[in-house]
PDB file of all heavy atoms in Angstrom:
ATOM      1  N   ILE A   1       0.837  -1.205   0.000  1.00  0.00           N
ATOM      2  CA  ILE A   1       0.000   0.000   0.000  1.00  0.00           C
ATOM      3  C   ILE A   1       0.871   1.253   0.000  1.00  0.00           C
ATOM      4  O   ILE A   1       0.617   2.211  -0.736  1.00  0.00           O
ATOM      5  CB  ILE A   1      -0.953  -0.006   1.215  1.00  0.00           C
ATOM      6  CG1 ILE A   1      -2.023  -1.089   1.034  1.00  0.00           C
ATOM      7  CG2 ILE A   1      -1.614   1.356   1.391  1.00  0.00           C
ATOM      8  CD1 ILE A   1      -2.840  -1.342   2.273  1.00  0.00           C
ATOM      9  N   LEU A   2       1.929   1.250   0.829  1.00  0.00           N
ATOM     10  CA  LEU A   2       2.832   2.398   0.875  1.00  0.00           C
ATOM     11  C   LEU A   2       3.516   2.614  -0.471  1.00  0.00           C
ATOM     12  O   LEU A   2       3.655   3.747  -0.942  1.00  0.00           O
ATOM     13  CB  LEU A   2       3.876   2.196   1.981  1.00  0.00           C
ATOM     14  CG  LEU A   2       3.366   2.318   3.422  1.00  0.00           C
ATOM     15  CD1 LEU A   2       4.478   1.966   4.409  1.00  0.00           C
ATOM     16  CD2 LEU A   2       2.852   3.728   3.696  1.00  0.00           C
ATOM     17  N   LYS A   3       3.946   1.505  -1.102  1.00  0.00           N
ATOM     18  CA  LYS A   3       4.580   1.608  -2.413  1.00  0.00           C
ATOM     19  C   LYS A   3       3.603   2.162  -3.444  1.00  0.00           C
ATOM     20  O   LYS A   3       3.971   2.993  -4.282  1.00  0.00           O
ATOM     21  CB  LYS A   3       5.088   0.235  -2.866  1.00  0.00           C
ATOM     22  CG  LYS A   3       6.364  -0.216  -2.200  1.00  0.00           C
ATOM     23  CD  LYS A   3       6.765  -1.600  -2.646  1.00  0.00           C
ATOM     24  CE  LYS A   3       7.141  -1.668  -4.089  1.00  0.00           C
ATOM     25  NZ  LYS A   3       7.624  -3.012  -4.492  1.00  0.00           N
ATOM     26  N   SER A   4       2.365   1.700  -3.384  1.00  0.00           N
ATOM     27  CA  SER A   4       1.350   2.175  -4.326  1.00  0.00           C
ATOM     28  C   SER A   4       1.091   3.664  -4.143  1.00  0.00           C
ATOM     29  O   SER A   4       1.007   4.412  -5.123  1.00  0.00           O
ATOM     30  CB  SER A   4       0.056   1.388  -4.133  1.00  0.00           C
ATOM     31  OG  SER A   4      -0.954   1.852  -4.987  1.00  0.00           O
ATOM     32  N   MET A   5       0.987   4.096  -2.870  1.00  0.00           N
ATOM     33  CA  MET A   5       0.772   5.513  -2.601  1.00  0.00           C
ATOM     34  C   MET A   5       1.951   6.340  -3.094  1.00  0.00           C
ATOM     35  O   MET A   5       1.776   7.399  -3.714  1.00  0.00           O
ATOM     36  CB  MET A   5       0.564   5.730  -1.101  1.00  0.00           C
ATOM     37  CG  MET A   5      -0.742   5.173  -0.562  1.00  0.00           C
ATOM     38  SD  MET A   5      -0.875   5.351   1.223  1.00  0.00           S
ATOM     39  CE  MET A   5      -0.771   7.134   1.395  1.00  0.00           C
ATOM     40  N   ARG A   6       3.158   5.855  -2.846  1.00  0.00           N
ATOM     41  CA  ARG A   6       4.357   6.576  -3.269  1.00  0.00           C
ATOM     42  C   ARG A   6       4.413   6.675  -4.796  1.00  0.00           C
ATOM     43  O   ARG A   6       4.738   7.730  -5.342  1.00  0.00           O
ATOM     44  CB  ARG A   6       5.602   5.856  -2.734  1.00  0.00           C
ATOM     45  CG  ARG A   6       6.891   6.647  -2.887  1.00  0.00           C
ATOM     46  CD  ARG A   6       8.072   5.899  -2.301  1.00  0.00           C
ATOM     47  NE  ARG A   6       7.896   5.643  -0.883  1.00  0.00           N
ATOM     48  CZ  ARG A   6       7.800   4.430  -0.344  1.00  0.00           C
ATOM     49  NH1 ARG A   6       7.860   3.356  -1.113  1.00  0.00           N
ATOM     50  NH2 ARG A   6       7.649   4.282   0.945  1.00  0.00           N
ATOM     51  N   ASN A   7       4.073   5.562  -5.460  1.00  0.00           N
ATOM     52  CA  ASN A   7       4.080   5.575  -6.927  1.00  0.00           C
ATOM     53  C   ASN A   7       3.028   6.525  -7.484  1.00  0.00           C
ATOM     54  O   ASN A   7       3.269   7.226  -8.475  1.00  0.00           O
ATOM     55  CB  ASN A   7       3.844   4.162  -7.458  1.00  0.00           C
ATOM     56  CG  ASN A   7       5.019   3.241  -7.219  1.00  0.00           C
ATOM     57  OD1 ASN A   7       6.149   3.696  -7.031  1.00  0.00           O
ATOM     58  ND2 ASN A   7       4.772   1.943  -7.202  1.00  0.00           N
ATOM     59  N   ASN A   8       1.849   6.550  -6.844  1.00  0.00           N
ATOM     60  CA  ASN A   8       0.797   7.463  -7.294  1.00  0.00           C
ATOM     61  C   ASN A   8       1.221   8.921  -7.140  1.00  0.00           C
ATOM     62  O   ASN A   8       0.955   9.757  -8.005  1.00  0.00           O
ATOM     63  CB  ASN A   8      -0.494   7.210  -6.510  1.00  0.00           C
ATOM     64  CG  ASN A   8      -1.169   5.914  -6.921  1.00  0.00           C
ATOM     65  OD1 ASN A   8      -0.944   5.414  -8.012  1.00  0.00           O
ATOM     66  ND2 ASN A   8      -1.987   5.363  -6.047  1.00  0.00           N
ATOM     67  N   ILE A   9       1.871   9.207  -5.998  1.00  0.00           N
ATOM     68  CA  ILE A   9       2.351  10.572  -5.761  1.00  0.00           C
ATOM     69  C   ILE A   9       3.402  10.953  -6.796  1.00  0.00           C
ATOM     70  O   ILE A   9       3.384  12.057  -7.354  1.00  0.00           O
ATOM     71  CB  ILE A   9       2.908  10.709  -4.333  1.00  0.00           C
ATOM     72  CG1 ILE A   9       1.764  10.606  -3.309  1.00  0.00           C
ATOM     73  CG2 ILE A   9       3.654  12.024  -4.156  1.00  0.00           C
ATOM     74  CD1 ILE A   9       2.234  10.515  -1.879  1.00  0.00           C
ATOM     75  N   ASN A  10       4.325  10.024  -7.059  1.00  0.00           N
ATOM     76  CA  ASN A  10       5.367  10.304  -8.059  1.00  0.00           C
ATOM     77  C   ASN A  10       4.771  10.535  -9.440  1.00  0.00           C
ATOM     78  O   ASN A  10       5.202  11.434 -10.168  1.00  0.00           O
ATOM     79  CB  ASN A  10       6.360   9.142  -8.111  1.00  0.00           C
ATOM     80  CG  ASN A  10       7.263   9.091  -6.892  1.00  0.00           C
ATOM     81  OD1 ASN A  10       7.426  10.098  -6.202  1.00  0.00           O
ATOM     82  ND2 ASN A  10       7.826   7.935  -6.611  1.00  0.00           N
ATOM     83  N   ARG A  11       3.769   9.708  -9.799  1.00  0.00           N
ATOM     84  CA  ARG A  11       3.121   9.895 -11.098  1.00  0.00           C
ATOM     85  C   ARG A  11       2.432  11.257 -11.172  1.00  0.00           C
ATOM     86  O   ARG A  11       2.498  11.942 -12.197  1.00  0.00           O
ATOM     87  CB  ARG A  11       2.105   8.772 -11.345  1.00  0.00           C
ATOM     88  CG  ARG A  11       2.734   7.483 -11.848  1.00  0.00           C
ATOM     89  CD  ARG A  11       1.673   6.544 -12.391  1.00  0.00           C
ATOM     90  NE  ARG A  11       0.794   6.071 -11.336  1.00  0.00           N
ATOM     91  CZ  ARG A  11       1.011   4.966 -10.625  1.00  0.00           C
ATOM     92  NH1 ARG A  11       2.080   4.235 -10.860  1.00  0.00           N
ATOM     93  NH2 ARG A  11       0.155   4.597  -9.696  1.00  0.00           N
ATOM     94  N   GLN A  12       1.773  11.663 -10.062  1.00  0.00           N
ATOM     95  CA  GLN A  12       1.081  12.941 -10.044  1.00  0.00           C
ATOM     96  C   GLN A  12       2.068  14.099 -10.156  1.00  0.00           C
ATOM     97  O   GLN A  12       1.829  15.063 -10.900  1.00  0.00           O
ATOM     98  CB  GLN A  12       0.263  13.079  -8.746  1.00  0.00           C
ATOM     99  CG  GLN A  12      -0.582  14.328  -8.664  1.00  0.00           C
ATOM    100  CD  GLN A  12      -1.682  14.374  -9.697  1.00  0.00           C
ATOM    101  OE1 GLN A  12      -2.159  13.331 -10.134  1.00  0.00           O
ATOM    102  NE2 GLN A  12      -2.080  15.569 -10.108  1.00  0.00           N
ATOM    103  N   VAL A  13       3.192  13.985  -9.420  1.00  0.00           N
ATOM    104  CA  VAL A  13       4.211  15.031  -9.481  1.00  0.00           C
ATOM    105  C   VAL A  13       4.791  15.128 -10.877  1.00  0.00           C
ATOM    106  O   VAL A  13       4.986  16.229 -11.417  1.00  0.00           O
ATOM    107  CB  VAL A  13       5.324  14.763  -8.438  1.00  0.00           C
ATOM    108  CG1 VAL A  13       6.519  15.682  -8.673  1.00  0.00           C
ATOM    109  CG2 VAL A  13       4.783  14.951  -7.021  1.00  0.00           C
ATOM    110  N   ASN A  14       5.081  13.965 -11.486  1.00  0.00           N
ATOM    111  CA  ASN A  14       5.628  13.967 -12.840  1.00  0.00           C
ATOM    112  C   ASN A  14       4.641  14.569 -13.840  1.00  0.00           C
ATOM    113  O   ASN A  14       5.035  15.310 -14.753  1.00  0.00           O
ATOM    114  CB  ASN A  14       5.982  12.537 -13.260  1.00  0.00           C
ATOM    115  CG  ASN A  14       7.165  11.981 -12.492  1.00  0.00           C
ATOM    116  OD1 ASN A  14       7.962  12.745 -11.944  1.00  0.00           O
ATOM    117  ND2 ASN A  14       7.273  10.673 -12.438  1.00  0.00           N
ATOM    118  N   PHE A  15       3.365  14.231 -13.651  1.00  0.00           N
ATOM    119  CA  PHE A  15       2.326  14.768 -14.538  1.00  0.00           C
ATOM    120  C   PHE A  15       2.239  16.285 -14.411  1.00  0.00           C
ATOM    121  O   PHE A  15       2.189  17.005 -15.417  1.00  0.00           O
ATOM    122  CB  PHE A  15       0.985  14.117 -14.187  1.00  0.00           C
ATOM    123  CG  PHE A  15      -0.181  14.657 -14.960  1.00  0.00           C
ATOM    124  CD1 PHE A  15      -0.383  14.289 -16.281  1.00  0.00           C
ATOM    125  CD2 PHE A  15      -1.078  15.534 -14.370  1.00  0.00           C
ATOM    126  CE1 PHE A  15      -1.459  14.792 -17.004  1.00  0.00           C
ATOM    127  CE2 PHE A  15      -2.155  16.038 -15.075  1.00  0.00           C
ATOM    128  CZ  PHE A  15      -2.348  15.668 -16.395  1.00  0.00           C
ATOM    129  N   GLU A  16       2.235  16.768 -13.158  1.00  0.00           N
ATOM    130  CA  GLU A  16       2.133  18.213 -12.939  1.00  0.00           C
ATOM    131  C   GLU A  16       3.377  18.937 -13.430  1.00  0.00           C
ATOM    132  O   GLU A  16       3.291  20.045 -13.973  1.00  0.00           O
ATOM    133  CB  GLU A  16       1.895  18.490 -11.457  1.00  0.00           C
ATOM    134  CG  GLU A  16       0.514  18.032 -10.972  1.00  0.00           C
ATOM    135  CD  GLU A  16       0.317  18.249  -9.487  1.00  0.00           C
ATOM    136  OE1 GLU A  16       1.280  18.681  -8.815  1.00  0.00           O
ATOM    137  OE2 GLU A  16      -0.798  17.987  -8.989  1.00  0.00           O
ATOM    138  N   THR A  17       4.538  18.309 -13.246  1.00  0.00           N
ATOM    139  CA  THR A  17       5.775  18.915 -13.722  1.00  0.00           C
ATOM    140  C   THR A  17       5.772  19.030 -15.244  1.00  0.00           C
ATOM    141  O   THR A  17       6.166  20.059 -15.807  1.00  0.00           O
ATOM    142  CB  THR A  17       6.985  18.083 -13.264  1.00  0.00           C
ATOM    143  OG1 THR A  17       7.002  18.014 -11.835  1.00  0.00           O
ATOM    144  CG2 THR A  17       8.289  18.692 -13.753  1.00  0.00           C
ATOM    145  N   ALA A  18       5.322  17.952 -15.902  1.00  0.00           N
ATOM    146  CA  ALA A  18       5.257  17.976 -17.368  1.00  0.00           C
ATOM    147  C   ALA A  18       4.297  19.054 -17.854  1.00  0.00           C
ATOM    148  O   ALA A  18       4.586  19.768 -18.826  1.00  0.00           O
ATOM    149  CB  ALA A  18       4.822  16.603 -17.885  1.00  0.00           C
ATOM    150  N   ASN A  19       3.163  19.186 -17.181  1.00  0.00           N
ATOM    151  CA  ASN A  19       2.197  20.221 -17.563  1.00  0.00           C
ATOM    152  C   ASN A  19       2.764  21.619 -17.347  1.00  0.00           C
ATOM    153  O   ASN A  19       2.535  22.535 -18.156  1.00  0.00           O
ATOM    154  CB  ASN A  19       0.906  20.070 -16.753  1.00  0.00           C
ATOM    155  CG  ASN A  19       0.007  18.999 -17.344  1.00  0.00           C
ATOM    156  OD1 ASN A  19       0.197  18.560 -18.464  1.00  0.00           O
ATOM    157  ND2 ASN A  19      -0.971  18.565 -16.572  1.00  0.00           N
ATOM    158  N   LEU A  20       3.512  21.771 -16.235  1.00  0.00           N
ATOM    159  CA  LEU A  20       4.106  23.076 -15.950  1.00  0.00           C
ATOM    160  C   LEU A  20       5.127  23.452 -17.012  1.00  0.00           C
ATOM    161  O   LEU A  20       5.156  24.593 -17.496  1.00  0.00           O
ATOM    162  CB  LEU A  20       4.756  23.050 -14.565  1.00  0.00           C
ATOM    163  CG  LEU A  20       5.439  24.342 -14.105  1.00  0.00           C
ATOM    164  CD1 LEU A  20       4.436  25.488 -14.056  1.00  0.00           C
ATOM    165  CD2 LEU A  20       6.108  24.150 -12.751  1.00  0.00           C
ATOM    166  N   VAL A  21       5.965  22.490 -17.390  1.00  0.00           N
ATOM    167  CA  VAL A  21       6.971  22.739 -18.427  1.00  0.00           C
ATOM    168  C   VAL A  21       6.289  23.098 -19.740  1.00  0.00           C
ATOM    169  O   VAL A  21       6.705  24.026 -20.450  1.00  0.00           O
ATOM    170  CB  VAL A  21       7.880  21.502 -18.604  1.00  0.00           C
ATOM    171  CG1 VAL A  21       8.763  21.649 -19.845  1.00  0.00           C
ATOM    172  CG2 VAL A  21       8.733  21.296 -17.359  1.00  0.00           C
ATOM    173  N   LYS A  22       5.219  22.365 -20.046  1.00  0.00           N
ATOM    174  CA  LYS A  22       4.478  22.629 -21.277  1.00  0.00           C
ATOM    175  C   LYS A  22       3.875  24.033 -21.261  1.00  0.00           C
ATOM    176  O   LYS A  22       3.923  24.767 -22.261  1.00  0.00           O
ATOM    177  CB  LYS A  22       3.370  21.573 -21.416  1.00  0.00           C
ATOM    178  CG  LYS A  22       2.611  21.626 -22.725  1.00  0.00           C
ATOM    179  CD  LYS A  22       1.598  20.496 -22.787  1.00  0.00           C
ATOM    180  CE  LYS A  22       0.786  20.556 -24.072  1.00  0.00           C
ATOM    181  NZ  LYS A  22      -0.219  19.466 -24.122  1.00  0.00           N
ATOM    182  N   THR A  23       3.319  24.425 -20.096  1.00  0.00           N
ATOM    183  CA  THR A  23       2.714  25.756 -19.961  1.00  0.00           C
ATOM    184  C   THR A  23       3.762  26.855 -20.112  1.00  0.00           C
ATOM    185  O   THR A  23       3.538  27.867 -20.795  1.00  0.00           O
ATOM    186  CB  THR A  23       2.017  25.882 -18.592  1.00  0.00           C
ATOM    187  OG1 THR A  23       0.986  24.895 -18.511  1.00  0.00           O
ATOM    188  CG2 THR A  23       1.415  27.261 -18.398  1.00  0.00           C
ATOM    189  N   VAL A  24       4.916  26.674 -19.470  1.00  0.00           N
ATOM    190  CA  VAL A  24       5.987  27.676 -19.534  1.00  0.00           C
ATOM    191  C   VAL A  24       6.500  27.816 -20.961  1.00  0.00           C
ATOM    192  O   VAL A  24       6.704  28.934 -21.458  1.00  0.00           O
ATOM    193  CB  VAL A  24       7.132  27.300 -18.571  1.00  0.00           C
ATOM    194  CG1 VAL A  24       8.350  28.198 -18.808  1.00  0.00           C
ATOM    195  CG2 VAL A  24       6.668  27.414 -17.125  1.00  0.00           C
ATOM    196  N   ASP A  25       6.725  26.676 -21.627  1.00  0.00           N
ATOM    197  CA  ASP A  25       7.221  26.718 -23.009  1.00  0.00           C
ATOM    198  C   ASP A  25       6.239  27.453 -23.922  1.00  0.00           C
ATOM    199  O   ASP A  25       6.640  28.277 -24.765  1.00  0.00           O
ATOM    200  CB  ASP A  25       7.442  25.297 -23.536  1.00  0.00           C
ATOM    201  CG  ASP A  25       8.646  24.627 -22.902  1.00  0.00           C
ATOM    202  OD1 ASP A  25       9.459  25.341 -22.284  1.00  0.00           O
ATOM    203  OD2 ASP A  25       8.770  23.391 -23.015  1.00  0.00           O
ATOM    204  N   ALA A  26       4.940  27.154 -23.742  1.00  0.00           N
ATOM    205  CA  ALA A  26       3.926  27.813 -24.579  1.00  0.00           C
ATOM    206  C   ALA A  26       3.878  29.299 -24.282  1.00  0.00           C
ATOM    207  O   ALA A  26       3.755  30.127 -25.202  1.00  0.00           O
ATOM    208  CB  ALA A  26       2.558  27.177 -24.319  1.00  0.00           C
ATOM    209  N   SER A  27       4.002  29.667 -22.992  1.00  0.00           N
ATOM    210  CA  SER A  27       3.956  31.068 -22.599  1.00  0.00           C
ATOM    211  C   SER A  27       5.122  31.840 -23.209  1.00  0.00           C
ATOM    212  O   SER A  27       4.945  32.949 -23.732  1.00  0.00           O
ATOM    213  CB  SER A  27       3.977  31.196 -21.075  1.00  0.00           C
ATOM    214  OG  SER A  27       4.025  32.544 -20.678  1.00  0.00           O
ATOM    215  N   VAL A  28       6.321  31.273 -23.157  1.00  0.00           N
ATOM    216  CA  VAL A  28       7.506  31.929 -23.733  1.00  0.00           C
ATOM    217  C   VAL A  28       7.310  32.136 -25.231  1.00  0.00           C
ATOM    218  O   VAL A  28       7.607  33.223 -25.772  1.00  0.00           O
ATOM    219  CB  VAL A  28       8.766  31.085 -23.452  1.00  0.00           C
ATOM    220  CG1 VAL A  28       9.959  31.619 -24.259  1.00  0.00           C
ATOM    221  CG2 VAL A  28       9.089  31.093 -21.962  1.00  0.00           C
ATOM    222  N   ARG A  29       6.805  31.125 -25.905  1.00  0.00           N
ATOM    223  CA  ARG A  29       6.593  31.218 -27.354  1.00  0.00           C
ATOM    224  C   ARG A  29       5.549  32.297 -27.679  1.00  0.00           C
ATOM    225  O   ARG A  29       5.717  33.082 -28.620  1.00  0.00           O
ATOM    226  CB  ARG A  29       6.127  29.857 -27.870  1.00  0.00           C
ATOM    227  CG  ARG A  29       6.042  29.777 -29.388  1.00  0.00           C
ATOM    228  CD  ARG A  29       5.583  28.414 -29.856  1.00  0.00           C
ATOM    229  NE  ARG A  29       4.204  28.135 -29.467  1.00  0.00           N
ATOM    230  CZ  ARG A  29       3.839  27.252 -28.530  1.00  0.00           C
ATOM    231  NH1 ARG A  29       4.774  26.554 -27.877  1.00  0.00           N
ATOM    232  NH2 ARG A  29       2.560  27.064 -28.247  1.00  0.00           N
ATOM    233  N   GLN A  30       4.471  32.341 -26.898  1.00  0.00           N
ATOM    234  CA  GLN A  30       3.404  33.326 -27.156  1.00  0.00           C
ATOM    235  C   GLN A  30       3.882  34.750 -26.889  1.00  0.00           C
ATOM    236  O   GLN A  30       3.576  35.682 -27.658  1.00  0.00           O
ATOM    237  CB  GLN A  30       2.192  32.992 -26.271  1.00  0.00           C
ATOM    238  CG  GLN A  30       1.498  31.692 -26.660  1.00  0.00           C
ATOM    239  CD  GLN A  30       0.713  31.085 -25.518  1.00  0.00           C
ATOM    240  OE1 GLN A  30       0.591  31.690 -24.444  1.00  0.00           O
ATOM    241  NE2 GLN A  30       0.168  29.889 -25.741  1.00  0.00           N
ATOM    242  N   ILE A  31       4.655  34.926 -25.812  1.00  0.00           N
ATOM    243  CA  ILE A  31       5.178  36.266 -25.491  1.00  0.00           C
ATOM    244  C   ILE A  31       6.107  36.766 -26.591  1.00  0.00           C
ATOM    245  O   ILE A  31       6.070  37.943 -26.990  1.00  0.00           O
ATOM    246  CB  ILE A  31       5.890  36.237 -24.118  1.00  0.00           C
ATOM    247  CG1 ILE A  31       4.844  36.072 -22.997  1.00  0.00           C
ATOM    248  CG2 ILE A  31       6.714  37.503 -23.899  1.00  0.00           C
ATOM    249  CD1 ILE A  31       5.450  35.832 -21.633  1.00  0.00           C
ATOM    250  N   GLU A  32       6.970  35.885 -27.096  1.00  0.00           N
ATOM    251  CA  GLU A  32       7.874  36.273 -28.176  1.00  0.00           C
ATOM    252  C   GLU A  32       7.087  36.698 -29.420  1.00  0.00           C
ATOM    253  O   GLU A  32       7.447  37.675 -30.102  1.00  0.00           O
ATOM    254  CB  GLU A  32       8.805  35.109 -28.511  1.00  0.00           C
ATOM    255  CG  GLU A  32       9.858  34.840 -27.435  1.00  0.00           C
ATOM    256  CD  GLU A  32      10.741  33.655 -27.783  1.00  0.00           C
ATOM    257  OE1 GLU A  32      10.420  32.960 -28.775  1.00  0.00           O
ATOM    258  OE2 GLU A  32      11.727  33.415 -27.054  1.00  0.00           O
ATOM    259  N   SER A  33       6.001  35.976 -29.714  1.00  0.00           N
ATOM    260  CA  SER A  33       5.176  36.329 -30.877  1.00  0.00           C
ATOM    261  C   SER A  33       4.539  37.699 -30.699  1.00  0.00           C
ATOM    262  O   SER A  33       4.526  38.540 -31.633  1.00  0.00           O
ATOM    263  CB  SER A  33       4.094  35.262 -31.089  1.00  0.00           C
ATOM    264  OG  SER A  33       4.664  34.014 -31.406  1.00  0.00           O
ATOM    265  N   ILE A  34       4.002  37.939 -29.488  1.00  0.00           N
ATOM    266  CA  ILE A  34       3.347  39.224 -29.222  1.00  0.00           C
ATOM    267  C   ILE A  34       4.349  40.379 -29.319  1.00  0.00           C
ATOM    268  O   ILE A  34       4.073  41.430 -29.932  1.00  0.00           O
ATOM    269  CB  ILE A  34       2.663  39.203 -27.847  1.00  0.00           C
ATOM    270  CG1 ILE A  34       1.509  38.187 -27.850  1.00  0.00           C
ATOM    271  CG2 ILE A  34       2.167  40.590 -27.451  1.00  0.00           C
ATOM    272  CD1 ILE A  34       0.979  37.861 -26.476  1.00  0.00           C
ATOM    273  N   LYS A  35       5.519  40.200 -28.734  1.00  0.00           N
ATOM    274  CA  LYS A  35       6.533  41.257 -28.774  1.00  0.00           C
ATOM    275  C   LYS A  35       6.981  41.525 -30.208  1.00  0.00           C
ATOM    276  O   LYS A  35       7.270  42.666 -30.579  1.00  0.00           O
ATOM    277  CB  LYS A  35       7.729  40.864 -27.909  1.00  0.00           C
ATOM    278  CG  LYS A  35       7.446  40.958 -26.411  1.00  0.00           C
ATOM    279  CD  LYS A  35       8.691  40.607 -25.598  1.00  0.00           C
ATOM    280  CE  LYS A  35       8.442  40.803 -24.106  1.00  0.00           C
ATOM    281  NZ  LYS A  35       9.627  40.459 -23.289  1.00  0.00           N
ATOM    282  N   GLN A  36       7.056  40.475 -30.987  1.00  0.00           N
ATOM    283  CA  GLN A  36       7.458  40.652 -32.390  1.00  0.00           C
ATOM    284  C   GLN A  36       6.438  41.486 -33.145  1.00  0.00           C
ATOM    285  O   GLN A  36       6.805  42.368 -33.946  1.00  0.00           O
ATOM    286  CB  GLN A  36       7.603  39.270 -33.041  1.00  0.00           C
ATOM    287  CG  GLN A  36       8.127  39.333 -34.467  1.00  0.00           C
ATOM    288  CD  GLN A  36       8.332  37.946 -35.050  1.00  0.00           C
ATOM    289  OE1 GLN A  36       8.196  36.956 -34.353  1.00  0.00           O
ATOM    290  NE2 GLN A  36       8.654  37.901 -36.325  1.00  0.00           N
ATOM    291  N   ILE A  37       5.158  41.228 -32.889  1.00  0.00           N
ATOM    292  CA  ILE A  37       4.106  42.010 -33.556  1.00  0.00           C
ATOM    293  C   ILE A  37       4.171  43.473 -33.122  1.00  0.00           C
ATOM    294  O   ILE A  37       4.118  44.394 -33.940  1.00  0.00           O
ATOM    295  CB  ILE A  37       2.719  41.432 -33.239  1.00  0.00           C
ATOM    296  CG1 ILE A  37       2.600  39.982 -33.757  1.00  0.00           C
ATOM    297  CG2 ILE A  37       1.615  42.290 -33.855  1.00  0.00           C
ATOM    298  CD1 ILE A  37       1.356  39.254 -33.286  1.00  0.00           C
ATOM    299  N   VAL A  38       4.296  43.684 -31.776  1.00  0.00           N
ATOM    300  CA  VAL A  38       4.319  45.053 -31.236  1.00  0.00           C
ATOM    301  C   VAL A  38       5.533  45.807 -31.742  1.00  0.00           C
ATOM    302  O   VAL A  38       5.449  46.990 -32.116  1.00  0.00           O
ATOM    303  CB  VAL A  38       4.276  45.019 -29.701  1.00  0.00           C
ATOM    304  CG1 VAL A  38       4.465  46.430 -29.130  1.00  0.00           C
ATOM    305  CG2 VAL A  38       2.963  44.425 -29.211  1.00  0.00           C
ATOM    306  N   ASP A  39       6.702  45.149 -31.770  1.00  0.00           N
ATOM    307  CA  ASP A  39       7.923  45.815 -32.244  1.00  0.00           C
ATOM    308  C   ASP A  39       7.810  46.189 -33.722  1.00  0.00           C
ATOM    309  O   ASP A  39       8.371  47.189 -34.164  1.00  0.00           O
ATOM    310  CB  ASP A  39       9.136  44.892 -32.038  1.00  0.00           C
ATOM    311  CG  ASP A  39       9.477  44.730 -30.560  1.00  0.00           C
ATOM    312  OD1 ASP A  39       8.987  45.536 -29.750  1.00  0.00           O
ATOM    313  OD2 ASP A  39      10.205  43.760 -30.213  1.00  0.00           O
ATOM    314  N   SER A  40       7.105  45.354 -34.466  1.00  0.00           N
ATOM    315  CA  SER A  40       7.013  45.592 -35.907  1.00  0.00           C
ATOM    316  C   SER A  40       5.902  46.560 -36.274  1.00  0.00           C
ATOM    317  O   SER A  40       6.093  47.452 -37.103  1.00  0.00           O
ATOM    318  CB  SER A  40       6.793  44.252 -36.620  1.00  0.00           C
ATOM    319  OG  SER A  40       6.609  44.438 -37.992  1.00  0.00           O
ATOM    320  N   ARG A  41       4.728  46.435 -35.646  1.00  0.00           N
ATOM    321  CA  ARG A  41       3.564  47.214 -36.072  1.00  0.00           C
ATOM    322  C   ARG A  41       2.906  48.009 -34.950  1.00  0.00           C
ATOM    323  O   ARG A  41       1.929  48.716 -35.201  1.00  0.00           O
ATOM    324  CB  ARG A  41       2.524  46.276 -36.686  1.00  0.00           C
ATOM    325  CG  ARG A  41       3.012  45.539 -37.925  1.00  0.00           C
ATOM    326  CD  ARG A  41       1.919  44.676 -38.513  1.00  0.00           C
ATOM    327  NE  ARG A  41       2.369  43.974 -39.727  1.00  0.00           N
ATOM    328  CZ  ARG A  41       1.608  43.137 -40.425  1.00  0.00           C
ATOM    329  NH1 ARG A  41       0.360  42.912 -40.031  1.00  0.00           N
ATOM    330  NH2 ARG A  41       2.090  42.557 -41.504  1.00  0.00           N
ATOM    331  N   GLY A  42       3.444  47.858 -33.720  1.00  0.00           N
ATOM    332  CA  GLY A  42       2.808  48.539 -32.602  1.00  0.00           C
ATOM    333  C   GLY A  42       1.560  47.805 -32.155  1.00  0.00           C
ATOM    334  O   GLY A  42       1.125  46.823 -32.771  1.00  0.00           O
ATOM    335  N   TRP A  43       0.930  48.288 -31.097  1.00  0.00           N
ATOM    336  CA  TRP A  43      -0.278  47.631 -30.600  1.00  0.00           C
ATOM    337  C   TRP A  43      -1.426  47.718 -31.604  1.00  0.00           C
ATOM    338  O   TRP A  43      -2.317  46.883 -31.624  1.00  0.00           O
ATOM    339  CB  TRP A  43      -0.704  48.241 -29.256  1.00  0.00           C
ATOM    340  CG  TRP A  43       0.156  47.758 -28.109  1.00  0.00           C
ATOM    341  CD1 TRP A  43       1.155  48.428 -27.501  1.00  0.00           C
ATOM    342  CD2 TRP A  43       0.071  46.484 -27.487  1.00  0.00           C
ATOM    343  NE1 TRP A  43       1.744  47.672 -26.514  1.00  0.00           N
ATOM    344  CE2 TRP A  43       1.077  46.445 -26.475  1.00  0.00           C
ATOM    345  CE3 TRP A  43      -0.729  45.353 -27.657  1.00  0.00           C
ATOM    346  CZ2 TRP A  43       1.286  45.358 -25.653  1.00  0.00           C
ATOM    347  CZ3 TRP A  43      -0.518  44.261 -26.829  1.00  0.00           C
ATOM    348  CH2 TRP A  43       0.480  44.253 -25.852  1.00  0.00           C
TER     349      TRP A  43
END
């Protein structure tokens, strides 16, 4: 039972970490796109 709980926690942490990395990567890409538009054509 302890091993199962530990494995579930690890899976949840890994899942959340992967989602966080995915969110950060998407955010960086979107910010760069927005800045490129603003630098080129303004708001």
